[in-house]
Amino acid sequence: MQFDPNRDYPLGVRRPELVQTPTGTLLQEVTLGAAREGRLAGAELRATPDTLRLQADVARAAGRSQLAQNLERAAELAGLPDEELLEIYTALRPHRSTAGELESWARRLDEQAAPRTAAFVREAAGVYAERNLLAV
């Protein structure tokens, strides 16, 4: 059956077969009992890029375009290591990065198949320049 964002929300209830962990564990197998028994690692509790893209489709169908864009960026970032995500987050804080440093992050994100997030970083750099929030 084809995914219909209007009919299939909430995914976990109406289409649980579409939601799984990064290693392929199905949603219905993600239980407190499985965690207690050691069958689930912490990394299993992450959203996958596929699930985030499906949620973006749901948000877009509901007219929530900004939420959809956020979920699409999250899908791009879901595969990055935690350390790198924290570095990007820190770099985007006001007065932490120069325009060149932010452009460097944007290029890295482009290279890692994260063009929406790269565009977001470039947009942030422009806003930071206008508001004097770049590092000197």
C-alpha atoms as a PDB file:
ATOM      1  CA  MET A   1       0.000   0.000   0.000  1.00  0.00           C
ATOM      2  CA  GLN A   2       1.318   3.428  -0.970  1.00  0.00           C
ATOM      3  CA  PHE A   3       1.986   5.995   1.748  1.00  0.00           C
ATOM      4  CA  ASP A   4      -0.674   8.716   2.022  1.00  0.00           C
ATOM      5  CA  PRO A   5       0.366  11.490   4.441  1.00  0.00           C
ATOM      6  CA  ASN A   6      -3.241  12.564   4.974  1.00  0.00           C
ATOM      7  CA  ARG A   7      -4.592   9.114   5.739  1.00  0.00           C
ATOM      8  CA  ASP A   8      -1.575   7.428   7.369  1.00  0.00           C
ATOM      9  CA  TYR A   9      -0.954   9.830  10.270  1.00  0.00           C
ATOM     10  CA  PRO A  10      -0.015   9.014  12.969  1.00  0.00           C
ATOM     11  CA  LEU A  11       2.527   6.685  11.425  1.00  0.00           C
ATOM     12  CA  GLY A  12       3.109   4.655  14.582  1.00  0.00           C
ATOM     13  CA  VAL A  13      -0.585   3.782  14.752  1.00  0.00           C
ATOM     14  CA  ARG A  14      -1.714   3.574  11.132  1.00  0.00           C
ATOM     15  CA  ARG A  15       1.491   2.477   9.364  1.00  0.00           C
ATOM     16  CA  PRO A  16       3.867   1.081  12.005  1.00  0.00           C
ATOM     17  CA  GLU A  17       5.546  -1.120   9.383  1.00  0.00           C
ATOM     18  CA  LEU A  18       7.041   2.077   7.923  1.00  0.00           C
ATOM     19  CA  VAL A  19       8.747   3.041  11.192  1.00  0.00           C
ATOM     20  CA  GLN A  20      11.907   1.265  12.233  1.00  0.00           C
ATOM     21  CA  THR A  21      15.162   1.872  14.047  1.00  0.00           C
ATOM     22  CA  PRO A  22      18.471   2.582  12.296  1.00  0.00           C
ATOM     23  CA  THR A  23      19.298  -1.142  12.299  1.00  0.00           C
ATOM     24  CA  GLY A  24      15.877  -2.189  11.045  1.00  0.00           C
ATOM     25  CA  THR A  25      14.063  -3.111  14.258  1.00  0.00           C
ATOM     26  CA  LEU A  26      10.354  -2.567  13.683  1.00  0.00           C
ATOM     27  CA  LEU A  27       8.501  -0.066  15.856  1.00  0.00           C
ATOM     28  CA  GLN A  28       6.366  -2.708  17.560  1.00  0.00           C
ATOM     29  CA  GLU A  29       9.573  -4.420  18.750  1.00  0.00           C
ATOM     30  CA  VAL A  30      10.795  -1.235  20.478  1.00  0.00           C
ATOM     31  CA  THR A  31       9.473  -1.879  23.952  1.00  0.00           C
ATOM     32  CA  LEU A  32      10.506  -1.226  27.524  1.00  0.00           C
ATOM     33  CA  GLY A  33      10.867  -4.982  27.959  1.00  0.00           C
ATOM     34  CA  ALA A  34      13.248  -5.210  25.011  1.00  0.00           C
ATOM     35  CA  ALA A  35      15.318  -2.384  26.486  1.00  0.00           C
ATOM     36  CA  ARG A  36      15.399  -4.037  29.923  1.00  0.00           C
ATOM     37  CA  GLU A  37      16.513  -7.313  28.368  1.00  0.00           C
ATOM     38  CA  GLY A  38      19.330  -5.575  26.489  1.00  0.00           C
ATOM     39  CA  ARG A  39      17.863  -6.194  23.045  1.00  0.00           C
ATOM     40  CA  LEU A  40      17.828  -2.454  22.292  1.00  0.00           C
ATOM     41  CA  ALA A  41      20.834  -0.174  22.399  1.00  0.00           C
ATOM     42  CA  GLY A  42      20.510   3.574  22.904  1.00  0.00           C
ATOM     43  CA  ALA A  43      21.288   4.149  19.232  1.00  0.00           C
ATOM     44  CA  GLU A  44      18.149   2.166  18.375  1.00  0.00           C
ATOM     45  CA  LEU A  45      15.981   4.940  19.771  1.00  0.00           C
ATOM     46  CA  ARG A  46      16.916   7.398  17.036  1.00  0.00           C
ATOM     47  CA  ALA A  47      14.652   8.497  14.238  1.00  0.00           C
ATOM     48  CA  THR A  48      15.804   7.336  10.822  1.00  0.00           C
ATOM     49  CA  PRO A  49      16.099   9.585   7.774  1.00  0.00           C
ATOM     50  CA  ASP A  50      13.249   7.657   6.118  1.00  0.00           C
ATOM     51  CA  THR A  51      10.904   8.176   9.071  1.00  0.00           C
ATOM     52  CA  LEU A  52      11.810  11.867   9.272  1.00  0.00           C
ATOM     53  CA  ARG A  53      11.075  12.289   5.553  1.00  0.00           C
ATOM     54  CA  LEU A  54       7.688  10.572   6.001  1.00  0.00           C
ATOM     55  CA  GLN A  55       6.938  12.918   8.905  1.00  0.00           C
ATOM     56  CA  ALA A  56       7.941  15.840   6.655  1.00  0.00           C
ATOM     57  CA  ASP A  57       5.377  14.626   4.103  1.00  0.00           C
ATOM     58  CA  VAL A  58       2.728  14.527   6.837  1.00  0.00           C
ATOM     59  CA  ALA A  59       3.617  18.052   7.978  1.00  0.00           C
ATOM     60  CA  ARG A  60       3.539  19.385   4.420  1.00  0.00           C
ATOM     61  CA  ALA A  61       0.149  17.748   3.760  1.00  0.00           C
ATOM     62  CA  ALA A  62      -1.161  19.466   6.906  1.00  0.00           C
ATOM     63  CA  GLY A  63       0.036  22.849   5.631  1.00  0.00           C
ATOM     64  CA  ARG A  64       2.955  23.064   8.054  1.00  0.00           C
ATOM     65  CA  SER A  65       5.728  23.845   5.577  1.00  0.00           C
ATOM     66  CA  GLN A  66       8.239  25.171   8.115  1.00  0.00           C
ATOM     67  CA  LEU A  67       7.941  22.009  10.192  1.00  0.00           C
ATOM     68  CA  ALA A  68       8.343  19.960   7.002  1.00  0.00           C
ATOM     69  CA  GLN A  69      11.549  21.852   6.172  1.00  0.00           C
ATOM     70  CA  ASN A  70      12.893  21.268   9.693  1.00  0.00           C
ATOM     71  CA  LEU A  71      12.159  17.544   9.420  1.00  0.00           C
ATOM     72  CA  GLU A  72      13.862  17.366   6.014  1.00  0.00           C
ATOM     73  CA  ARG A  73      16.983  18.972   7.478  1.00  0.00           C
ATOM     74  CA  ALA A  74      16.793  16.546  10.405  1.00  0.00           C
ATOM     75  CA  ALA A  75      16.664  13.670   7.908  1.00  0.00           C
ATOM     76  CA  GLU A  76      19.858  14.969   6.309  1.00  0.00           C
ATOM     77  CA  LEU A  77      21.576  15.186   9.681  1.00  0.00           C
ATOM     78  CA  ALA A  78      20.338  11.903  11.154  1.00  0.00           C
ATOM     79  CA  GLY A  79      23.338   9.961   9.892  1.00  0.00           C
ATOM     80  CA  LEU A  80      25.986  12.353  11.172  1.00  0.00           C
ATOM     81  CA  PRO A  81      27.949  11.506  14.308  1.00  0.00           C
ATOM     82  CA  ASP A  82      26.769  13.213  17.501  1.00  0.00           C
ATOM     83  CA  GLU A  83      30.096  15.041  17.876  1.00  0.00           C
ATOM     84  CA  GLU A  84      29.740  16.636  14.460  1.00  0.00           C
ATOM     85  CA  LEU A  85      26.154  17.703  15.172  1.00  0.00           C
ATOM     86  CA  LEU A  86      27.298  19.376  18.368  1.00  0.00           C
ATOM     87  CA  GLU A  87      30.098  21.141  16.491  1.00  0.00           C
ATOM     88  CA  ILE A  88      27.606  22.478  13.935  1.00  0.00           C
ATOM     89  CA  TYR A  89      25.226  23.549  16.688  1.00  0.00           C
ATOM     90  CA  THR A  90      28.043  25.359  18.484  1.00  0.00           C
ATOM     91  CA  ALA A  91      29.249  26.994  15.270  1.00  0.00           C
ATOM     92  CA  LEU A  92      25.762  28.408  14.717  1.00  0.00           C
ATOM     93  CA  ARG A  93      25.594  30.134  18.076  1.00  0.00           C
ATOM     94  CA  PRO A  94      25.934  33.936  17.831  1.00  0.00           C
ATOM     95  CA  HIS A  95      29.493  35.281  17.910  1.00  0.00           C
ATOM     96  CA  ARG A  96      31.008  31.760  17.677  1.00  0.00           C
ATOM     97  CA  SER A  97      31.942  31.645  13.977  1.00  0.00           C
ATOM     98  CA  THR A  98      33.173  33.899  11.229  1.00  0.00           C
ATOM     99  CA  ALA A  99      31.437  34.034   7.864  1.00  0.00           C
ATOM    100  CA  GLY A 100      34.262  31.911   6.454  1.00  0.00           C
ATOM    101  CA  GLU A 101      33.863  29.271   9.145  1.00  0.00           C
ATOM    102  CA  LEU A 102      30.144  29.031   8.503  1.00  0.00           C
ATOM    103  CA  GLU A 103      30.767  28.747   4.771  1.00  0.00           C
ATOM    104  CA  SER A 104      33.231  25.952   5.510  1.00  0.00           C
ATOM    105  CA  TRP A 105      30.505  24.122   7.445  1.00  0.00           C
ATOM    106  CA  ALA A 106      28.075  24.686   4.564  1.00  0.00           C
ATOM    107  CA  ARG A 107      30.547  23.168   2.084  1.00  0.00           C
ATOM    108  CA  ARG A 108      31.075  20.159   4.364  1.00  0.00           C
ATOM    109  CA  LEU A 109      27.337  19.674   4.614  1.00  0.00           C
ATOM    110  CA  ASP A 110      26.992  19.883   0.824  1.00  0.00           C
ATOM    111  CA  GLU A 111      29.668  17.198   0.518  1.00  0.00           C
ATOM    112  CA  GLN A 112      27.772  15.013   3.015  1.00  0.00           C
ATOM    113  CA  ALA A 113      24.552  15.167   0.961  1.00  0.00           C
ATOM    114  CA  ALA A 114      22.900  17.715   3.254  1.00  0.00           C
ATOM    115  CA  PRO A 115      22.077  20.560   0.824  1.00  0.00           C
ATOM    116  CA  ARG A 116      19.049  21.858   2.760  1.00  0.00           C
ATOM    117  CA  THR A 117      21.097  22.162   5.927  1.00  0.00           C
ATOM    118  CA  ALA A 118      23.969  23.745   4.006  1.00  0.00           C
ATOM    119  CA  ALA A 119      21.548  26.355   2.648  1.00  0.00           C
ATOM    120  CA  PHE A 120      20.258  26.936   6.187  1.00  0.00           C
ATOM    121  CA  VAL A 121      23.825  27.568   7.445  1.00  0.00           C
ATOM    122  CA  ARG A 122      24.445  29.990   4.583  1.00  0.00           C
ATOM    123  CA  GLU A 123      21.191  31.786   5.351  1.00  0.00           C
ATOM    124  CA  ALA A 124      22.168  31.998   9.020  1.00  0.00           C
ATOM    125  CA  ALA A 125      25.553  33.449   8.049  1.00  0.00           C
ATOM    126  CA  GLY A 126      23.804  36.181   6.054  1.00  0.00           C
ATOM    127  CA  VAL A 127      21.462  37.043   8.917  1.00  0.00           C
ATOM    128  CA  TYR A 128      24.356  37.004  11.389  1.00  0.00           C
ATOM    129  CA  ALA A 129      26.301  39.410   9.145  1.00  0.00           C
ATOM    130  CA  GLU A 130      23.322  41.795   8.994  1.00  0.00           C
ATOM    131  CA  ARG A 131      22.877  41.705  12.764  1.00  0.00           C
ATOM    132  CA  ASN A 132      26.579  41.801  13.703  1.00  0.00           C
ATOM    133  CA  LEU A 133      26.451  38.305  15.234  1.00  0.00           C
ATOM    134  CA  LEU A 134      29.515  36.889  13.465  1.00  0.00           C
ATOM    135  CA  ALA A 135      32.765  36.299  15.321  1.00  0.00           C
ATOM    136  CA  VAL A 136      35.610  38.667  14.462  1.00  0.00           C
END
